[in-house]
Each structure stands twice: as structure tokens, then as C-alpha cells.
Amino acid sequence: MDTVGELLRQWRQRRRLSQLDLALAADVSARHVSLVETGKSRPSAEMVLRLAAQLDVPLRERNRLLLAAGFAPRYEERPLDGDALGAARDAVARVLRAHEPYPAVVIDRRWNVVMTNRSVDPFFADVDPELLRPPVNMVRLGLDPRGFASRLVNLADVRAVFRARLSRSLAAAPDPGLTALYEELLAPGDEETADVSVESDVVLPMVFRMGGRELRLFSTITTFGTPMDITLDEVAIESYYPADEETASWFSAPASAPASALASAPRIRPNE
């Protein structure tokens, strides 16, 4: 098991900071950072958390740092559908509901779908039921021919975007599950050497074939600003918007979504 000093050094190097950089950011001496990393000084829990905060260490990994230093974890991981996270879950549900008639999903750190609004239903309608068994993974949905891949006009572009985003996530924080997903679905092959084509778009859209039409969608990401719970630290709301007027008109048509879509509450989709 790595010591707290070794773990802190790994995070510092991952963030490409020198000991002096970290010391200045945390308002401590560079010598103290060096002593902690080499195990010559045992940091307090508060010092561990101060250094972790400056290194932007995820809450799950801050618990690991605390344990390595001999302290109890500080951050709980409570289910999103539990009473303790009721206020946060309601806030997420409001965001999802307010985004209708456009689709929005909540994903965890491994891109598993946690919640959705009703406007995703037309997109899930033709997906193989096997892919909709929990945990439902957005990367797998997007790239599997039984999911969205057969309907994505610019599949190569979408694959490249997925690859870039997962690469950034893994660079920011290691995760075995995310690494396995990347290696399974996104490891570059000899046939994939082209760059993402941006043409004249401000953002790169996903282009879906739906009912004989092409829908162009781009997405934004929303996260909690000051989470103190591991679950909230790791979830993100991905909201999709029409990239042109034709796509916007498709969503405004009554036939584009279930009749109950606008009145229905967002759903929590179990991952286990």
C-alpha cells in the first residue's frame, strides 16, 4: 500500500506541479512538502486535505489519502435516491425537467446513466434491450451498433470526442473501470487516424438519423460546484441542445416525444 507521501507525490506529478508550486498554493514551505512526500514528516488530516484541495484530488481519492495517513475518511458516498441526498436529487430533477423537450441525462464517473428526463425516450426506443440493462453506459450506447452507432451520421467524430473526453478524465484521475471501458471501446485502431472534422460548426454536433431526418445536437456539462459527498462529486448532467432550426422544430412537434413527456418527473435509472 502506498504511503500518503507517495500518493501525494503521484498527484502532484499528475498535475505537473513542482514541490514549490504546491507549497505556494497551499501556503506551506517547500521543505514541508518534501518532508511529507519522503515520509520524514507525518501530516495532520487538515494538511492532507489542504494539499489535496490544491491538487484538485477527487473526494474518493481524498479518503484514500486520509486512510494512508492513518486517519478516518471524511467523505461519505450516499445513494442519490436516498434521503440524505434528497435536496440535491430534487435540484437535479428540476434541471432535467426544465430542459425538456430536449434530452438530458445524469452520468457518473464511469459514464453510467444515473437519471434521465423523458425526452431521451425516443432515442432509447430502438436500442437493443441488452444495452439498457443496468448499468446503462453512455459510451457503450453511443458506439455499439445495437445502440446509437447505426444512427450516427458522424460516428467517427463522436468516437473521437468520446476518446478525448475519457482520456482527459483518466489524466485527471485514474479509474480502473474507466480504463477498462476506454480499452474496450476507444483504444485507437490502425483504421482510425483522422482528426475530428470541425467544418464551420461552433461546436461539434452529434448527427442522428431519426424518422428519416437528421438531428444535430450538441451538449453541455453541469456539475455540483461544492460537493461534500462522493456521489455528488462524481455525477454530471449532460444536456443536449438543437444545433439548428430543423432539429429544434422536431423537438417541438408533439410526435417527437411521448405524450406524457413534459408532465413526467425525471427517472432514476438503477446501476445495480
Protein backbone atom coordinates (compact mmCIF):
# COMPACT_ATOMS: atom_id res chain seq x y z
CA MET A 1 0.00 0.00 0.00
CA ASP A 2 1.37 3.40 -0.97
CA THR A 3 2.17 5.86 1.80
CA VAL A 4 0.41 9.21 1.96
CA GLY A 5 3.64 10.87 0.82
CA GLU A 6 3.93 8.64 -2.22
CA LEU A 7 0.28 9.24 -3.13
CA LEU A 8 0.65 13.00 -2.79
CA ARG A 9 3.75 12.94 -4.97
CA GLN A 10 1.85 10.96 -7.62
CA TRP A 11 -0.97 13.51 -7.59
CA ARG A 12 1.48 16.41 -7.72
CA GLN A 13 3.27 14.90 -10.71
CA ARG A 14 -0.07 14.15 -12.37
CA ARG A 15 -0.93 17.84 -12.05
CA ARG A 16 2.55 18.74 -13.35
CA LEU A 17 3.40 20.87 -10.34
CA SER A 18 6.76 21.24 -8.61
CA GLN A 19 7.04 20.98 -4.85
CA LEU A 20 7.45 24.75 -4.79
CA ASP A 21 4.31 25.25 -6.89
CA LEU A 22 2.29 23.13 -4.47
CA ALA A 23 3.82 24.77 -1.42
CA LEU A 24 2.96 28.26 -2.65
CA ALA A 25 -0.60 27.26 -3.49
CA ALA A 26 -1.12 25.59 -0.10
CA ASP A 27 0.69 28.33 1.85
CA VAL A 28 3.29 25.97 3.33
CA SER A 29 7.03 25.66 2.85
CA ALA A 30 8.51 23.64 0.01
CA ARG A 31 10.63 21.87 2.62
CA HIS A 32 7.48 20.69 4.41
CA VAL A 33 6.05 19.33 1.17
CA SER A 34 9.32 17.49 0.58
CA LEU A 35 9.32 16.04 4.09
CA VAL A 36 5.74 14.82 3.72
CA GLU A 37 6.42 13.20 0.35
CA THR A 38 9.52 11.41 1.61
CA GLY A 39 7.76 10.22 4.78
CA LYS A 40 10.03 12.21 7.11
CA SER A 41 7.08 14.23 8.39
CA ARG A 42 3.63 12.87 9.25
CA PRO A 43 1.00 15.35 8.05
CA SER A 44 -2.14 16.14 10.00
CA ALA A 45 -5.51 15.34 8.48
CA GLU A 46 -6.01 19.04 7.84
CA MET A 47 -2.69 19.26 5.98
CA VAL A 48 -3.57 16.22 3.87
CA LEU A 49 -6.86 17.84 2.89
CA ARG A 50 -5.22 21.22 2.24
CA LEU A 51 -2.71 19.69 -0.15
CA ALA A 52 -5.40 17.51 -1.75
CA ALA A 53 -7.59 20.56 -2.34
CA GLN A 54 -4.77 22.40 -4.13
CA LEU A 55 -4.13 19.29 -6.23
CA ASP A 56 -7.85 19.04 -7.12
CA VAL A 57 -7.95 15.45 -5.87
CA PRO A 58 -11.44 13.86 -6.18
CA LEU A 59 -13.23 13.21 -2.89
CA ARG A 60 -12.98 9.44 -3.29
CA GLU A 61 -9.20 9.71 -3.55
CA ARG A 62 -9.03 12.20 -0.65
CA ASN A 63 -10.45 9.45 1.54
CA ARG A 64 -7.68 7.18 0.30
CA LEU A 65 -5.08 9.82 1.21
CA LEU A 66 -6.54 10.15 4.70
CA LEU A 67 -6.51 6.39 5.22
CA ALA A 68 -2.89 6.21 4.06
CA ALA A 69 -2.04 8.91 6.60
CA GLY A 70 -3.76 6.98 9.40
CA PHE A 71 -6.99 8.97 9.59
CA ALA A 72 -10.64 8.10 9.10
CA PRO A 73 -12.28 9.05 5.80
CA ARG A 74 -14.12 12.39 5.77
CA TYR A 75 -16.42 11.97 2.78
CA GLU A 76 -19.41 9.66 2.57
CA GLU A 77 -20.82 8.04 -0.55
CA ARG A 78 -24.59 8.00 -0.26
CA PRO A 79 -27.07 6.81 -2.91
CA LEU A 80 -28.68 9.51 -5.00
CA ASP A 81 -32.12 8.03 -4.31
CA GLY A 82 -31.55 8.09 -0.52
CA ASP A 83 -32.99 10.55 1.98
CA ALA A 84 -29.63 12.19 2.73
CA LEU A 85 -29.28 13.48 -0.84
CA GLY A 86 -32.94 14.39 -1.24
CA ALA A 87 -32.33 18.12 -1.74
CA ALA A 88 -29.56 17.51 -4.27
CA ARG A 89 -31.63 14.91 -6.12
CA ASP A 90 -34.57 17.34 -6.30
CA ALA A 91 -32.27 20.02 -7.70
CA VAL A 92 -31.04 17.63 -10.38
CA ALA A 93 -34.62 16.61 -11.19
CA ARG A 94 -35.57 20.27 -11.63
CA VAL A 95 -32.71 20.79 -14.07
CA LEU A 96 -33.72 17.70 -16.06
CA ARG A 97 -37.38 18.67 -16.13
CA ALA A 98 -36.65 22.27 -17.06
CA HIS A 99 -34.57 21.11 -20.04
CA GLU A 100 -37.48 19.31 -21.70
CA PRO A 101 -38.42 18.94 -24.52
CA TYR A 102 -34.69 18.42 -25.10
CA PRO A 103 -32.95 15.31 -23.74
CA ALA A 104 -30.71 15.31 -20.68
CA VAL A 105 -29.01 12.56 -18.71
CA VAL A 106 -27.09 12.32 -15.46
CA ILE A 107 -23.95 10.20 -15.64
CA ASP A 108 -21.46 9.03 -13.03
CA ARG A 109 -17.68 8.98 -13.29
CA ARG A 110 -17.78 5.85 -15.46
CA TRP A 111 -20.41 7.29 -17.81
CA ASN A 112 -23.17 5.09 -16.41
CA VAL A 113 -26.61 6.67 -16.67
CA VAL A 114 -27.98 7.62 -13.25
CA MET A 115 -31.05 9.72 -14.16
CA THR A 116 -32.78 10.90 -17.32
CA ASN A 117 -35.64 13.11 -18.36
CA ARG A 118 -38.46 11.76 -20.53
CA SER A 119 -37.12 13.34 -23.68
CA VAL A 120 -34.46 10.66 -24.03
CA ASP A 121 -37.13 8.01 -24.64
CA PRO A 122 -37.36 8.42 -28.44
CA PHE A 123 -33.60 7.90 -28.66
CA PHE A 124 -33.69 4.78 -26.47
CA ALA A 125 -36.70 3.31 -28.26
CA ASP A 126 -34.75 1.34 -30.88
CA VAL A 127 -31.82 0.38 -28.66
CA ASP A 128 -31.25 -3.32 -28.06
CA PRO A 129 -32.74 -4.17 -24.64
CA GLU A 130 -29.46 -5.82 -23.70
CA LEU A 131 -27.76 -2.40 -23.72
CA LEU A 132 -30.48 -0.97 -21.46
CA ARG A 133 -29.85 -3.42 -18.66
CA PRO A 134 -28.20 -1.69 -15.66
CA PRO A 135 -25.69 -0.25 -15.62
CA VAL A 136 -26.61 1.63 -18.82
CA ASN A 137 -23.40 3.12 -20.17
CA MET A 138 -23.50 6.16 -22.45
CA VAL A 139 -20.22 5.37 -24.20
CA ARG A 140 -21.37 1.85 -25.00
CA LEU A 141 -24.76 3.16 -26.14
CA GLY A 142 -23.07 5.65 -28.42
CA LEU A 143 -20.59 3.30 -30.05
CA ASP A 144 -22.39 -0.04 -30.21
CA PRO A 145 -24.24 -0.77 -33.50
CA ARG A 146 -27.12 -2.07 -31.36
CA GLY A 147 -27.30 1.33 -29.72
CA PHE A 148 -26.77 4.71 -31.38
CA ALA A 149 -23.86 3.86 -33.68
CA SER A 150 -26.06 2.70 -36.55
CA ARG A 151 -27.94 6.03 -36.41
CA LEU A 152 -24.98 8.38 -36.00
CA VAL A 153 -24.08 10.03 -39.29
CA ASN A 154 -20.75 11.29 -37.92
CA LEU A 155 -19.82 8.25 -35.85
CA ALA A 156 -16.07 8.76 -36.37
CA ASP A 157 -16.29 12.29 -35.00
CA VAL A 158 -18.35 11.18 -32.00
CA ARG A 159 -15.90 8.36 -31.29
CA ALA A 160 -13.01 10.83 -31.37
CA VAL A 161 -14.84 13.13 -28.95
CA PHE A 162 -15.53 10.24 -26.57
CA ARG A 163 -11.88 9.24 -26.77
CA ALA A 164 -10.70 12.77 -25.98
CA ARG A 165 -13.09 13.18 -23.06
CA LEU A 166 -12.26 9.83 -21.46
CA SER A 167 -8.56 10.50 -21.96
CA ARG A 168 -8.92 13.80 -20.11
CA SER A 169 -10.86 12.10 -17.32
CA LEU A 170 -8.19 9.44 -16.90
CA ALA A 171 -5.46 12.05 -16.97
CA ALA A 172 -7.25 13.94 -14.21
CA ALA A 173 -7.92 10.91 -12.01
CA PRO A 174 -7.11 7.22 -12.57
CA ASP A 175 -10.01 4.78 -12.53
CA PRO A 176 -9.77 1.06 -13.38
CA GLY A 177 -13.37 0.86 -14.59
CA LEU A 178 -12.98 3.83 -16.90
CA THR A 179 -9.66 2.47 -18.15
CA ALA A 180 -11.33 -0.85 -19.00
CA LEU A 181 -14.12 0.98 -20.83
CA TYR A 182 -11.59 3.01 -22.81
CA GLU A 183 -9.58 -0.07 -23.77
CA GLU A 184 -12.73 -1.96 -24.76
CA LEU A 185 -14.34 0.70 -26.93
CA LEU A 186 -11.92 3.52 -27.65
CA ALA A 187 -8.37 2.25 -27.99
CA PRO A 188 -7.27 3.69 -31.37
CA GLY A 189 -7.00 1.23 -34.24
CA ASP A 190 -5.00 1.40 -37.43
CA GLU A 191 -8.11 2.46 -39.32
CA GLU A 192 -8.70 5.49 -37.09
CA THR A 193 -6.13 8.15 -37.78
CA ALA A 194 -8.26 11.07 -38.95
CA ASP A 195 -8.76 14.14 -36.80
CA VAL A 196 -12.20 15.32 -35.76
CA SER A 197 -13.75 17.31 -38.59
CA VAL A 198 -14.93 20.67 -37.32
CA GLU A 199 -16.03 22.23 -40.63
CA SER A 200 -17.74 25.54 -39.81
CA ASP A 201 -19.52 24.47 -36.62
CA VAL A 202 -19.02 26.44 -33.43
CA VAL A 203 -19.24 23.16 -31.53
CA LEU A 204 -19.12 19.63 -32.89
CA PRO A 205 -22.66 18.23 -33.07
CA MET A 206 -23.81 14.64 -32.96
CA VAL A 207 -25.86 13.98 -36.07
CA PHE A 208 -28.64 11.40 -35.54
CA ARG A 209 -30.87 9.78 -38.13
CA MET A 210 -34.38 9.81 -36.65
CA GLY A 211 -37.50 9.04 -38.64
CA GLY A 212 -35.94 9.91 -41.98
CA ARG A 213 -34.47 13.19 -40.68
CA GLU A 214 -31.07 14.21 -39.45
CA LEU A 215 -31.00 15.77 -35.98
CA ARG A 216 -27.96 17.82 -34.98
CA LEU A 217 -27.32 18.05 -31.24
CA PHE A 218 -24.57 19.47 -29.07
CA SER A 219 -24.18 19.09 -25.33
CA THR A 220 -23.19 20.98 -22.19
CA ILE A 221 -22.00 19.60 -18.86
CA THR A 222 -23.24 20.72 -15.42
CA THR A 223 -21.63 19.62 -12.15
CA PHE A 224 -22.05 20.45 -8.47
CA GLY A 225 -19.84 23.36 -7.50
CA THR A 226 -19.05 22.45 -3.88
CA PRO A 227 -19.85 18.79 -3.31
CA MET A 228 -19.06 17.19 0.05
CA ASP A 229 -20.38 13.76 -0.89
CA ILE A 230 -18.60 11.34 -3.22
CA THR A 231 -21.73 10.62 -5.23
CA LEU A 232 -22.33 14.31 -5.93
CA ASP A 233 -18.65 14.85 -6.68
CA GLU A 234 -18.80 12.23 -9.40
CA VAL A 235 -22.09 12.95 -11.20
CA ALA A 236 -22.61 15.31 -14.11
CA ILE A 237 -25.68 16.44 -16.03
CA GLU A 238 -25.24 16.25 -19.79
CA SER A 239 -27.84 18.41 -21.52
CA TYR A 240 -28.41 18.25 -25.27
CA TYR A 241 -29.49 21.20 -27.43
CA PRO A 242 -30.56 21.51 -31.05
CA ALA A 243 -27.77 22.81 -33.27
CA ASP A 244 -30.11 24.12 -35.98
CA GLU A 245 -33.72 25.21 -36.50
CA GLU A 246 -34.75 21.97 -38.19
CA THR A 247 -33.71 19.98 -35.15
CA ALA A 248 -35.42 22.43 -32.80
CA SER A 249 -38.67 22.09 -34.75
CA TRP A 250 -38.50 18.28 -34.48
CA PHE A 251 -38.40 18.52 -30.69
CA SER A 252 -41.29 20.98 -30.60
CA ALA A 253 -43.53 18.65 -32.62
CA PRO A 254 -45.88 16.54 -30.44
CA ALA A 255 -44.87 13.32 -32.20
CA SER A 256 -41.21 13.70 -31.25
CA ALA A 257 -41.74 12.63 -27.63
CA PRO A 258 -44.16 10.57 -25.54
CA ALA A 259 -47.40 12.40 -24.74
CA SER A 260 -46.54 12.45 -21.05
CA ALA A 261 -43.01 13.76 -21.53
CA LEU A 262 -43.45 17.34 -20.36
CA ALA A 263 -45.53 16.42 -17.33
CA SER A 264 -43.48 13.48 -16.10
CA ALA A 265 -40.77 13.58 -13.48
CA PRO A 266 -37.19 12.56 -14.30
CA ARG A 267 -36.40 8.94 -13.59
CA ILE A 268 -33.60 7.44 -11.55
CA ARG A 269 -32.20 4.53 -13.53
CA PRO A 270 -30.59 1.94 -11.23
CA ASN A 271 -26.98 1.00 -11.91
CA GLU A 272 -27.01 -2.24 -9.98
